[in-house]
PDB file of N, CA and C in Angstrom:
ATOM      1  N   MET A   1      90.225 149.296 124.519  1.00  0.00           N
ATOM      2  CA  MET A   1      88.962 149.037 124.565  1.00  0.00           C
ATOM      3  C   MET A   1      88.823 147.473 124.061  1.00  0.00           C
ATOM      4  N   ALA A   2      87.470 147.121 124.543  1.00  0.00           N
ATOM      5  CA  ALA A   2      87.318 145.727 123.885  1.00  0.00           C
ATOM      6  C   ALA A   2      86.380 146.324 122.598  1.00  0.00           C
ATOM      7  N   ILE A   3      86.598 145.337 121.704  1.00  0.00           N
ATOM      8  CA  ILE A   3      85.343 145.144 120.537  1.00  0.00           C
ATOM      9  C   ILE A   3      84.465 144.734 120.967  1.00  0.00           C
ATOM     10  N   LEU A   4      83.507 144.823 120.393  1.00  0.00           N
ATOM     11  CA  LEU A   4      81.999 144.715 120.139  1.00  0.00           C
ATOM     12  C   LEU A   4      81.695 144.128 118.589  1.00  0.00           C
ATOM     13  N   ILE A   5      80.799 143.240 118.270  1.00  0.00           N
ATOM     14  CA  ILE A   5      80.113 143.061 117.440  1.00  0.00           C
ATOM     15  C   ILE A   5      78.621 143.274 117.227  1.00  0.00           C
ATOM     16  N   THR A   6      79.046 144.203 116.654  1.00  0.00           N
ATOM     17  CA  THR A   6      76.779 144.690 115.697  1.00  0.00           C
ATOM     18  C   THR A   6      76.715 143.935 115.496  1.00  0.00           C
ATOM     19  N   ASP A   7      75.382 144.395 115.677  1.00  0.00           N
ATOM     20  CA  ASP A   7      74.085 143.276 114.512  1.00  0.00           C
ATOM     21  C   ASP A   7      73.914 143.329 113.259  1.00  0.00           C
ATOM     22  N   GLU A   8      74.679 144.174 112.626  1.00  0.00           N
ATOM     23  CA  GLU A   8      74.885 143.828 111.120  1.00  0.00           C
ATOM     24  C   GLU A   8      75.665 142.578 110.914  1.00  0.00           C
ATOM     25  N   CYS A   9      76.419 141.637 112.364  1.00  0.00           N
ATOM     26  CA  CYS A   9      77.053 140.618 111.938  1.00  0.00           C
ATOM     27  C   CYS A   9      76.276 139.877 111.543  1.00  0.00           C
ATOM     28  N   ILE A  10      76.511 138.880 110.086  1.00  0.00           N
ATOM     29  CA  ILE A  10      76.072 137.774 109.087  1.00  0.00           C
ATOM     30  C   ILE A  10      76.378 136.345 110.038  1.00  0.00           C
ATOM     31  N   ASN A  11      76.700 136.458 111.015  1.00  0.00           N
ATOM     32  CA  ASN A  11      76.816 135.113 111.442  1.00  0.00           C
ATOM     33  C   ASN A  11      77.879 133.930 111.100  1.00  0.00           C
ATOM     34  N   CYS A  12      78.884 134.572 110.576  1.00  0.00           N
ATOM     35  CA  CYS A  12      79.591 133.833 109.544  1.00  0.00           C
ATOM     36  C   CYS A  12      80.769 132.593 110.276  1.00  0.00           C
ATOM     37  N   GLY A  13      80.745 133.006 111.633  1.00  0.00           N
ATOM     38  CA  GLY A  13      82.107 132.618 112.285  1.00  0.00           C
ATOM     39  C   GLY A  13      83.733 133.032 112.007  1.00  0.00           C
ATOM     40  N   ALA A  14      83.947 133.721 110.935  1.00  0.00           N
ATOM     41  CA  ALA A  14      84.966 133.571 110.783  1.00  0.00           C
ATOM     42  C   ALA A  14      86.065 134.504 111.598  1.00  0.00           C
ATOM     43  N   CYS A  15      85.454 134.983 112.551  1.00  0.00           N
ATOM     44  CA  CYS A  15      86.100 136.063 113.691  1.00  0.00           C
ATOM     45  C   CYS A  15      86.515 134.569 115.097  1.00  0.00           C
ATOM     46  N   GLU A  16      85.626 134.257 115.035  1.00  0.00           N
ATOM     47  CA  GLU A  16      85.868 133.215 116.517  1.00  0.00           C
ATOM     48  C   GLU A  16      87.448 132.415 116.592  1.00  0.00           C
ATOM     49  N   PRO A  17      87.639 131.863 115.591  1.00  0.00           N
ATOM     50  CA  PRO A  17      88.922 130.980 115.674  1.00  0.00           C
ATOM     51  C   PRO A  17      90.296 131.917 115.440  1.00  0.00           C
ATOM     52  N   GLU A  18      89.649 133.355 115.381  1.00  0.00           N
ATOM     53  CA  GLU A  18      90.734 134.253 115.428  1.00  0.00           C
ATOM     54  C   GLU A  18      91.319 134.694 116.789  1.00  0.00           C
ATOM     55  N   CYS A  19      90.677 134.934 117.671  1.00  0.00           N
ATOM     56  CA  CYS A  19      90.655 135.187 118.957  1.00  0.00           C
ATOM     57  C   CYS A  19      91.255 134.339 119.891  1.00  0.00           C
ATOM     58  N   PRO A  20      92.619 135.477 120.395  1.00  0.00           N
ATOM     59  CA  PRO A  20      93.277 134.415 120.818  1.00  0.00           C
ATOM     60  C   PRO A  20      93.415 134.225 122.233  1.00  0.00           C
ATOM     61  N   ASN A  21      92.029 134.871 122.746  1.00  0.00           N
ATOM     62  CA  ASN A  21      91.670 134.714 124.359  1.00  0.00           C
ATOM     63  C   ASN A  21      90.250 133.839 124.113  1.00  0.00           C
ATOM     64  N   ASN A  22      89.907 133.342 123.622  1.00  0.00           N
ATOM     65  CA  ASN A  22      88.662 132.762 123.079  1.00  0.00           C
ATOM     66  C   ASN A  22      87.320 134.109 123.799  1.00  0.00           C
ATOM     67  N   ALA A  23      87.421 134.729 123.522  1.00  0.00           N
ATOM     68  CA  ALA A  23      86.505 135.872 124.169  1.00  0.00           C
ATOM     69  C   ALA A  23      84.733 135.746 123.212  1.00  0.00           C
ATOM     70  N   ILE A  24      85.328 135.252 121.926  1.00  0.00           N
ATOM     71  CA  ILE A  24      84.193 135.345 120.580  1.00  0.00           C
ATOM     72  C   ILE A  24      83.488 133.899 121.155  1.00  0.00           C
ATOM     73  N   TYR A  25      82.362 134.393 121.215  1.00  0.00           N
ATOM     74  CA  TYR A  25      81.283 133.554 121.241  1.00  0.00           C
ATOM     75  C   TYR A  25      80.186 133.690 120.539  1.00  0.00           C
ATOM     76  N   GLU A  26      79.202 131.988 119.658  1.00  0.00           N
ATOM     77  CA  GLU A  26      78.179 131.861 118.706  1.00  0.00           C
ATOM     78  C   GLU A  26      77.280 132.534 119.512  1.00  0.00           C
ATOM     79  N   ALA A  27      75.939 132.627 118.753  1.00  0.00           N
ATOM     80  CA  ALA A  27      75.109 133.586 119.205  1.00  0.00           C
ATOM     81  C   ALA A  27      74.134 132.033 119.892  1.00  0.00           C
ATOM     82  N   ALA A  28      73.585 132.561 121.395  1.00  0.00           N
ATOM     83  CA  ALA A  28      73.146 131.998 122.541  1.00  0.00           C
ATOM     84  C   ALA A  28      73.915 131.069 123.267  1.00  0.00           C
ATOM     85  N   GLU A  29      75.279 131.361 122.779  1.00  0.00           N
ATOM     86  CA  GLU A  29      76.276 130.204 123.377  1.00  0.00           C
ATOM     87  C   GLU A  29      76.671 130.508 124.769  1.00  0.00           C
ATOM     88  N   GLU A  30      76.531 129.318 125.731  1.00  0.00           N
ATOM     89  CA  GLU A  30      77.437 129.624 127.037  1.00  0.00           C
ATOM     90  C   GLU A  30      78.428 130.350 127.190  1.00  0.00           C
ATOM     91  N   TRP A  31      79.621 130.584 127.640  1.00  0.00           N
ATOM     92  CA  TRP A  31      80.339 130.716 127.640  1.00  0.00           C
ATOM     93  C   TRP A  31      81.056 130.751 129.241  1.00  0.00           C
ATOM     94  N   LYS A  32      82.869 130.770 129.220  1.00  0.00           N
ATOM     95  CA  LYS A  32      83.418 130.492 130.383  1.00  0.00           C
ATOM     96  C   LYS A  32      84.608 131.271 130.370  1.00  0.00           C
ATOM     97  N   PHE A  33      85.438 132.050 131.867  1.00  0.00           N
ATOM     98  CA  PHE A  33      86.661 132.637 131.605  1.00  0.00           C
ATOM     99  C   PHE A  33      87.412 131.031 131.308  1.00  0.00           C
ATOM    100  N   SER A  34      87.233 130.214 131.817  1.00  0.00           N
ATOM    101  CA  SER A  34      88.248 129.028 131.310  1.00  0.00           C
ATOM    102  C   SER A  34      88.358 128.478 129.925  1.00  0.00           C
ATOM    103  N   ASP A  35      87.508 129.247 129.094  1.00  0.00           N
ATOM    104  CA  ASP A  35      88.096 128.957 127.738  1.00  0.00           C
ATOM    105  C   ASP A  35      89.284 129.100 127.116  1.00  0.00           C
ATOM    106  N   GLY A  36      90.353 128.637 126.892  1.00  0.00           N
ATOM    107  CA  GLY A  36      91.146 129.690 126.127  1.00  0.00           C
ATOM    108  C   GLY A  36      91.833 130.148 126.706  1.00  0.00           C
ATOM    109  N   THR A  37      91.821 130.029 128.218  1.00  0.00           N
ATOM    110  CA  THR A  37      93.011 130.774 129.009  1.00  0.00           C
ATOM    111  C   THR A  37      93.672 129.508 130.316  1.00  0.00           C
ATOM    112  N   VAL A  38      94.137 129.719 131.471  1.00  0.00           N
ATOM    113  CA  VAL A  38      94.412 129.184 132.210  1.00  0.00           C
ATOM    114  C   VAL A  38      93.803 129.461 133.231  1.00  0.00           C
ATOM    115  N   LEU A  39      92.523 130.167 133.256  1.00  0.00           N
ATOM    116  CA  LEU A  39      91.761 130.490 134.465  1.00  0.00           C
ATOM    117  C   LEU A  39      91.043 129.446 134.981  1.00  0.00           C
ATOM    118  N   THR A  40      90.943 129.070 135.885  1.00  0.00           N
ATOM    119  CA  THR A  40      90.244 127.706 136.552  1.00  0.00           C
ATOM    120  C   THR A  40      89.686 128.280 138.086  1.00  0.00           C
ATOM    121  N   GLY A  41      88.684 127.965 138.475  1.00  0.00           N
ATOM    122  CA  GLY A  41      88.636 128.304 139.877  1.00  0.00           C
ATOM    123  C   GLY A  41      87.725 129.735 140.336  1.00  0.00           C
ATOM    124  N   ASP A  42      87.871 130.057 141.587  1.00  0.00           N
ATOM    125  CA  ASP A  42      87.486 130.998 142.128  1.00  0.00           C
ATOM    126  C   ASP A  42      88.689 132.438 141.376  1.00  0.00           C
ATOM    127  N   ILE A  43      88.268 133.468 140.485  1.00  0.00           N
ATOM    128  CA  ILE A  43      89.135 134.248 140.256  1.00  0.00           C
ATOM    129  C   ILE A  43      88.592 135.692 140.339  1.00  0.00           C
ATOM    130  N   MET A  44      89.749 136.468 140.353  1.00  0.00           N
ATOM    131  CA  MET A  44      89.215 138.125 140.548  1.00  0.00           C
ATOM    132  C   MET A  44      90.145 138.919 139.427  1.00  0.00           C
ATOM    133  N   LEU A  45      88.997 139.267 138.684  1.00  0.00           N
ATOM    134  CA  LEU A  45      89.363 140.035 137.128  1.00  0.00           C
ATOM    135  C   LEU A  45      90.594 141.245 137.834  1.00  0.00           C
ATOM    136  N   PRO A  46      91.259 141.573 136.698  1.00  0.00           N
ATOM    137  CA  PRO A  46      92.092 142.803 137.046  1.00  0.00           C
ATOM    138  C   PRO A  46      91.205 143.840 138.065  1.00  0.00           C
ATOM    139  N   ASN A  47      89.702 143.791 136.902  1.00  0.00           N
ATOM    140  CA  ASN A  47      89.170 144.646 137.368  1.00  0.00           C
ATOM    141  C   ASN A  47      88.340 145.150 138.630  1.00  0.00           C
ATOM    142  N   GLY A  48      88.537 143.796 139.267  1.00  0.00           N
ATOM    143  CA  GLY A  48      87.854 143.694 141.013  1.00  0.00           C
ATOM    144  C   GLY A  48      86.785 142.503 140.664  1.00  0.00           C
ATOM    145  N   LYS A  49      86.240 142.244 139.683  1.00  0.00           N
ATOM    146  CA  LYS A  49      85.022 141.303 139.423  1.00  0.00           C
ATOM    147  C   LYS A  49      85.762 139.992 139.838  1.00  0.00           C
ATOM    148  N   ARG A  50      84.710 139.464 140.360  1.00  0.00           N
ATOM    149  CA  ARG A  50      84.967 137.818 140.999  1.00  0.00           C
ATOM    150  C   ARG A  50      83.929 136.918 139.808  1.00  0.00           C
ATOM    151  N   PHE A  51      84.526 135.683 139.792  1.00  0.00           N
ATOM    152  CA  PHE A  51      83.648 134.587 138.986  1.00  0.00           C
ATOM    153  C   PHE A  51      84.066 133.477 139.394  1.00  0.00           C
ATOM    154  N   ASN A  52      83.686 132.299 138.735  1.00  0.00           N
ATOM    155  CA  ASN A  52      84.220 131.069 139.156  1.00  0.00           C
ATOM    156  C   ASN A  52      84.372 130.690 137.757  1.00  0.00           C
ATOM    157  N   ALA A  53      85.816 130.832 137.306  1.00  0.00           N
ATOM    158  CA  ALA A  53      86.524 130.415 135.740  1.00  0.00           C
ATOM    159  C   ALA A  53      85.594 129.299 134.926  1.00  0.00           C
ATOM    160  N   ASP A  54      85.171 128.381 135.860  1.00  0.00           N
ATOM    161  CA  ASP A  54      85.045 127.181 135.190  1.00  0.00           C
ATOM    162  C   ASP A  54      83.206 126.674 135.106  1.00  0.00           C
ATOM    163  N   GLU A  55      82.621 127.780 135.771  1.00  0.00           N
ATOM    164  CA  GLU A  55      80.892 127.897 135.534  1.00  0.00           C
ATOM    165  C   GLU A  55      80.520 128.607 134.386  1.00  0.00           C
ATOM    166  N   ASP A  56      79.671 127.941 133.502  1.00  0.00           N
ATOM    167  CA  ASP A  56      78.957 128.726 132.780  1.00  0.00           C
ATOM    168  C   ASP A  56      78.574 130.046 132.984  1.00  0.00           C
ATOM    169  N   GLN A  57      78.602 130.625 131.748  1.00  0.00           N
ATOM    170  CA  GLN A  57      77.678 132.076 132.200  1.00  0.00           C
ATOM    171  C   GLN A  57      76.964 132.247 131.206  1.00  0.00           C
ATOM    172  N   GLU A  58      76.080 132.830 131.194  1.00  0.00           N
ATOM    173  CA  GLU A  58      74.502 133.220 130.195  1.00  0.00           C
ATOM    174  C   GLU A  58      75.404 134.135 129.373  1.00  0.00           C
ATOM    175  N   PRO A  59      74.742 133.820 128.035  1.00  0.00           N
ATOM    176  CA  PRO A  59      75.310 133.988 126.388  1.00  0.00           C
ATOM    177  C   PRO A  59      74.604 135.987 126.703  1.00  0.00           C
ATOM    178  N   ILE A  60      75.135 136.485 126.322  1.00  0.00           N
ATOM    179  CA  ILE A  60      75.318 138.252 126.031  1.00  0.00           C
ATOM    180  C   ILE A  60      74.303 138.396 125.089  1.00  0.00           C
ATOM    181  N   ASN A  61      74.254 137.389 123.764  1.00  0.00           N
ATOM    182  CA  ASN A  61      73.487 138.270 122.665  1.00  0.00           C
ATOM    183  C   ASN A  61      72.828 136.958 122.103  1.00  0.00           C
ATOM    184  N   ASP A  62      71.340 136.534 121.980  1.00  0.00           N
ATOM    185  CA  ASP A  62      71.104 135.420 121.436  1.00  0.00           C
ATOM    186  C   ASP A  62      70.941 135.570 119.705  1.00  0.00           C
ATOM    187  N   GLU A  63      71.322 136.256 119.033  1.00  0.00           N
ATOM    188  CA  GLU A  63      71.200 136.214 117.816  1.00  0.00           C
ATOM    189  C   GLU A  63      72.740 136.644 117.103  1.00  0.00           C
ATOM    190  N   VAL A  64      73.510 136.891 117.452  1.00  0.00           N
ATOM    191  CA  VAL A  64      74.561 137.357 116.658  1.00  0.00           C
ATOM    192  C   VAL A  64      75.818 136.877 117.365  1.00  0.00           C
ATOM    193  N   TYR A  65      77.030 136.726 116.984  1.00  0.00           N
ATOM    194  CA  TYR A  65      78.075 136.367 117.212  1.00  0.00           C
ATOM    195  C   TYR A  65      78.498 137.446 118.725  1.00  0.00           C
ATOM    196  N   TYR A  66      78.917 137.171 119.909  1.00  0.00           N
ATOM    197  CA  TYR A  66      79.353 138.121 121.163  1.00  0.00           C
ATOM    198  C   TYR A  66      80.619 138.410 121.213  1.00  0.00           C
ATOM    199  N   ILE A  67      81.340 139.612 121.829  1.00  0.00           N
ATOM    200  CA  ILE A  67      82.469 139.182 122.295  1.00  0.00           C
ATOM    201  C   ILE A  67      82.172 139.615 123.946  1.00  0.00           C
ATOM    202  N   ILE A  68      83.255 138.856 124.686  1.00  0.00           N
ATOM    203  CA  ILE A  68      83.278 139.072 126.171  1.00  0.00           C
ATOM    204  C   ILE A  68      84.450 139.935 126.426  1.00  0.00           C
ATOM    205  N   ALA A  69      83.718 141.313 126.680  1.00  0.00           N
ATOM    206  CA  ALA A  69      84.578 142.360 127.130  1.00  0.00           C
ATOM    207  C   ALA A  69      86.165 141.889 127.680  1.00  0.00           C
ATOM    208  N   ASP A  70      85.573 141.474 129.229  1.00  0.00           N
ATOM    209  CA  ASP A  70      86.296 140.761 129.870  1.00  0.00           C
ATOM    210  C   ASP A  70      87.451 139.981 129.356  1.00  0.00           C
ATOM    211  N   LYS A  71      87.320 139.285 128.649  1.00  0.00           N
ATOM    212  CA  LYS A  71      88.329 137.934 128.419  1.00  0.00           C
ATOM    213  C   LYS A  71      88.890 138.934 126.583  1.00  0.00           C
ATOM    214  N   CYS A  72      88.915 140.312 126.238  1.00  0.00           N
ATOM    215  CA  CYS A  72      88.697 141.015 125.109  1.00  0.00           C
ATOM    216  C   CYS A  72      89.963 142.006 125.254  1.00  0.00           C
ATOM    217  N   THR A  73      91.480 141.779 124.407  1.00  0.00           N
ATOM    218  CA  THR A  73      92.159 142.690 124.651  1.00  0.00           C
ATOM    219  C   THR A  73      92.900 143.356 123.909  1.00  0.00           C
ATOM    220  N   GLU A  74      91.591 143.243 122.764  1.00  0.00           N
ATOM    221  CA  GLU A  74      92.149 143.724 121.163  1.00  0.00           C
ATOM    222  C   GLU A  74      93.151 143.132 120.505  1.00  0.00           C
ATOM    223  N   CYS A  75      93.792 142.152 121.275  1.00  0.00           N
ATOM    224  CA  CYS A  75      94.639 141.142 120.428  1.00  0.00           C
ATOM    225  C   CYS A  75      96.114 141.807 120.883  1.00  0.00           C
ATOM    226  N   LYS A  76      95.881 143.017 121.811  1.00  0.00           N
ATOM    227  CA  LYS A  76      97.639 143.269 121.827  1.00  0.00           C
ATOM    228  C   LYS A  76      98.060 142.141 122.522  1.00  0.00           C
ATOM    229  N   GLY A  77      99.480 142.206 122.573  1.00  0.00           N
ATOM    230  CA  GLY A  77     100.469 141.721 122.869  1.00  0.00           C
ATOM    231  C   GLY A  77     100.670 139.510 122.394  1.00  0.00           C
ATOM    232  N   PHE A  78      99.452 139.690 120.828  1.00  0.00           N
ATOM    233  CA  PHE A  78      99.228 138.609 120.133  1.00  0.00           C
ATOM    234  C   PHE A  78      99.540 139.333 118.942  1.00  0.00           C
ATOM    235  N   HIS A  79      99.062 140.409 118.550  1.00  0.00           N
ATOM    236  CA  HIS A  79      98.808 140.937 116.601  1.00  0.00           C
ATOM    237  C   HIS A  79      99.001 142.565 116.997  1.00  0.00           C
ATOM    238  N   ASP A  80      99.454 142.756 115.907  1.00  0.00           N
ATOM    239  CA  ASP A  80      99.129 144.113 115.909  1.00  0.00           C
ATOM    240  C   ASP A  80      97.513 144.808 115.962  1.00  0.00           C
ATOM    241  N   GLU A  81      96.411 144.361 115.389  1.00  0.00           N
ATOM    242  CA  GLU A  81      95.466 144.771 115.407  1.00  0.00           C
ATOM    243  C   GLU A  81      94.408 143.314 116.065  1.00  0.00           C
ATOM    244  N   PRO A  82      93.548 144.188 116.210  1.00  0.00           N
ATOM    245  CA  PRO A  82      92.506 142.816 116.453  1.00  0.00           C
ATOM    246  C   PRO A  82      91.983 142.240 115.266  1.00  0.00           C
ATOM    247  N   GLN A  83      92.615 140.599 115.532  1.00  0.00           N
ATOM    248  CA  GLN A  83      92.220 139.760 114.512  1.00  0.00           C
ATOM    249  C   GLN A  83      90.214 140.015 113.794  1.00  0.00           C
ATOM    250  N   CYS A  84      89.504 139.902 114.559  1.00  0.00           N
ATOM    251  CA  CYS A  84      88.473 139.614 114.511  1.00  0.00           C
ATOM    252  C   CYS A  84      87.978 140.833 113.745  1.00  0.00           C
ATOM    253  N   ALA A  85      88.382 141.901 113.785  1.00  0.00           N
ATOM    254  CA  ALA A  85      87.970 142.608 112.809  1.00  0.00           C
ATOM    255  C   ALA A  85      88.878 142.676 111.534  1.00  0.00           C
ATOM    256  N   ALA A  86      89.512 142.062 112.193  1.00  0.00           N
ATOM    257  CA  ALA A  86      90.690 142.135 110.334  1.00  0.00           C
ATOM    258  C   ALA A  86      89.841 141.133 109.914  1.00  0.00           C
ATOM    259  N   VAL A  87      89.478 139.633 109.855  1.00  0.00           N
ATOM    260  CA  VAL A  87      88.893 138.950 109.103  1.00  0.00           C
ATOM    261  C   VAL A  87      87.228 139.155 108.647  1.00  0.00           C
ATOM    262  N   CYS A  88      86.660 140.169 109.573  1.00  0.00           N
ATOM    263  CA  CYS A  88      85.221 140.544 109.595  1.00  0.00           C
ATOM    264  C   CYS A  88      84.830 140.666 107.616  1.00  0.00           C
ATOM    265  N   PRO A  89      84.198 140.112 107.250  1.00  0.00           N
ATOM    266  CA  PRO A  89      83.895 140.292 106.011  1.00  0.00           C
ATOM    267  C   PRO A  89      82.345 141.568 105.542  1.00  0.00           C
ATOM    268  N   VAL A  90      82.085 141.859 106.904  1.00  0.00           N
ATOM    269  CA  VAL A  90      81.260 143.028 106.917  1.00  0.00           C
ATOM    270  C   VAL A  90      81.586 144.038 107.622  1.00  0.00           C
ATOM    271  N   ASP A  91      83.107 143.844 108.325  1.00  0.00           N
ATOM    272  CA  ASP A  91      83.581 145.110 109.328  1.00  0.00           C
ATOM    273  C   ASP A  91      82.372 145.639 110.856  1.00  0.00           C
ATOM    274  N   CYS A  92      82.048 144.478 111.014  1.00  0.00           N
ATOM    275  CA  CYS A  92      80.912 144.816 112.324  1.00  0.00           C
ATOM    276  C   CYS A  92      81.402 144.809 113.650  1.00  0.00           C
ATOM    277  N   CYS A  93      82.616 144.552 113.477  1.00  0.00           N
ATOM    278  CA  CYS A  93      84.135 144.490 114.803  1.00  0.00           C
ATOM    279  C   CYS A  93      84.511 145.740 115.145  1.00  0.00           C
ATOM    280  N   LEU A  94      83.933 146.102 115.963  1.00  0.00           N
ATOM    281  CA  LEU A  94      83.801 147.849 116.057  1.00  0.00           C
ATOM    282  C   LEU A  94      84.545 148.226 117.783  1.00  0.00           C
ATOM    283  N   PRO A  95      85.344 149.400 118.260  1.00  0.00           N
ATOM    284  CA  PRO A  95      85.791 149.266 119.281  1.00  0.00           C
ATOM    285  C   PRO A  95      84.268 149.658 120.136  1.00  0.00           C
ATOM    286  N   ASP A  96      84.653 148.865 121.120  1.00  0.00           N
ATOM    287  CA  ASP A  96      83.358 148.927 122.096  1.00  0.00           C
ATOM    288  C   ASP A  96      83.297 150.463 123.100  1.00  0.00           C
ATOM    289  N   GLU A  97      82.806 151.987 122.974  1.00  0.00           N
ATOM    290  CA  GLU A  97      82.971 152.651 123.906  1.00  0.00           C
ATOM    291  C   GLU A  97      82.650 152.364 125.435  1.00  0.00           C
ATOM    292  N   GLU A  98      81.798 151.411 125.815  1.00  0.00           N
ATOM    293  CA  GLU A  98      81.289 150.908 127.000  1.00  0.00           C
ATOM    294  C   GLU A  98      82.642 150.596 127.285  1.00  0.00           C
ATOM    295  N   HIS A  99      83.556 150.125 126.955  1.00  0.00           N
ATOM    296  CA  HIS A  99      84.500 149.554 127.505  1.00  0.00           C
ATOM    297  C   HIS A  99      85.733 149.455 127.350  1.00  0.00           C
ATOM    298  N   ILE A 100      86.432 150.865 127.783  1.00  0.00           N
ATOM    299  CA  ILE A 100      87.390 151.381 127.273  1.00  0.00           C
ATOM    300  C   ILE A 100      88.463 151.242 128.153  1.00  0.00           C
ATOM    301  N   GLU A 101      89.064 150.665 127.626  1.00  0.00           N
ATOM    302  CA  GLU A 101      90.983 150.261 128.728  1.00  0.00           C
ATOM    303  C   GLU A 101      92.025 151.028 127.859  1.00  0.00           C
ATOM    304  N   THR A 102      93.168 151.351 128.911  1.00  0.00           N
ATOM    305  CA  THR A 102      94.281 151.649 128.225  1.00  0.00           C
ATOM    306  C   THR A 102      95.261 150.208 127.799  1.00  0.00           C
ATOM    307  N   GLU A 103      95.880 150.850 127.183  1.00  0.00           N
ATOM    308  CA  GLU A 103      96.786 149.708 126.470  1.00  0.00           C
ATOM    309  C   GLU A 103      97.622 148.538 127.956  1.00  0.00           C
ATOM    310  N   LYS A 104      98.080 149.596 128.481  1.00  0.00           N
ATOM    311  CA  LYS A 104      98.778 148.689 129.905  1.00  0.00           C
ATOM    312  C   LYS A 104      97.759 148.109 130.804  1.00  0.00           C
ATOM    313  N   ASN A 105      96.360 148.494 130.038  1.00  0.00           N
ATOM    314  CA  ASN A 105      95.253 147.021 131.203  1.00  0.00           C
ATOM    315  C   ASN A 105      94.924 146.063 130.217  1.00  0.00           C
ATOM    316  N   LEU A 106      95.135 146.462 128.923  1.00  0.00           N
ATOM    317  CA  LEU A 106      94.738 145.234 128.263  1.00  0.00           C
ATOM    318  C   LEU A 106      95.809 143.889 128.571  1.00  0.00           C
ATOM    319  N   LEU A 107      96.951 144.580 127.927  1.00  0.00           N
ATOM    320  CA  LEU A 107      98.360 143.941 128.151  1.00  0.00           C
ATOM    321  C   LEU A 107      98.284 143.244 129.678  1.00  0.00           C
ATOM    322  N   ALA A 108      98.185 143.916 130.773  1.00  0.00           N
ATOM    323  CA  ALA A 108      97.477 143.250 132.256  1.00  0.00           C
ATOM    324  C   ALA A 108      96.779 141.955 132.235  1.00  0.00           C
ATOM    325  N   LYS A 109      95.506 142.317 131.431  1.00  0.00           N
ATOM    326  CA  LYS A 109      94.459 141.390 131.355  1.00  0.00           C
ATOM    327  C   LYS A 109      95.129 139.976 130.793  1.00  0.00           C
ATOM    328  N   LYS A 110      95.529 140.346 129.368  1.00  0.00           N
ATOM    329  CA  LYS A 110      96.084 139.071 128.847  1.00  0.00           C
ATOM    330  C   LYS A 110      97.483 138.319 129.499  1.00  0.00           C
ATOM    331  N   ARG A 111      98.187 138.857 130.762  1.00  0.00           N
ATOM    332  CA  ARG A 111      99.043 138.425 131.185  1.00  0.00           C
ATOM    333  C   ARG A 111      97.884 137.513 132.455  1.00  0.00           C
ATOM    334  N   PHE A 112      97.196 138.049 132.799  1.00  0.00           N
ATOM    335  CA  PHE A 112      96.263 137.329 134.165  1.00  0.00           C
ATOM    336  C   PHE A 112      95.516 136.465 132.812  1.00  0.00           C
ATOM    337  N   MET A 113      95.039 136.154 131.868  1.00  0.00           N
ATOM    338  CA  MET A 113      94.269 135.439 131.313  1.00  0.00           C
ATOM    339  C   MET A 113      95.320 134.043 131.204  1.00  0.00           C
ATOM    340  N   HIS A 114      96.889 134.130 130.314  1.00  0.00           N
ATOM    341  CA  HIS A 114      97.658 133.621 130.224  1.00  0.00           C
ATOM    342  C   HIS A 114      98.890 133.122 130.535  1.00  0.00           C
ATOM    343  N   ASN A 115      98.792 133.491 132.550  1.00  0.00           N
ATOM    344  CA  ASN A 115      99.985 133.525 133.112  1.00  0.00           C
ATOM    345  C   ASN A 115     101.075 134.000 132.555  1.00  0.00           C
ATOM    346  N   GLU A 116     101.324 134.866 132.058  1.00  0.00           N
ATOM    347  CA  GLU A 116     102.479 135.212 131.235  1.00  0.00           C
ATOM    348  C   GLU A 116     103.268 136.190 132.586  1.00  0.00           C
TER     349      GLU A 116
END
């Protein structure tokens, strides 16, 4: 499953540079699938959703940092544990129960985003 940043976030920013998929964004910041990935142009995600990787997407939170579930791989294939959770000083990076994925799916997502 993806990781979720809860409302307890203190906006310290420690998590953002740790994400190997560039899936973490500052509150109210627009985001793109192309940020930190090899994705470009029209894409179809492994889950079947279609996007233009280069188009700005609306922020999903305007008060605290947030994680794009479609880009989050829980750091599978990069690290032994989610790095956002490892560095968070207030333990607000938790499993997202609404985005449950198998390790196989998370690794496939990683390969898709990084052309591996």
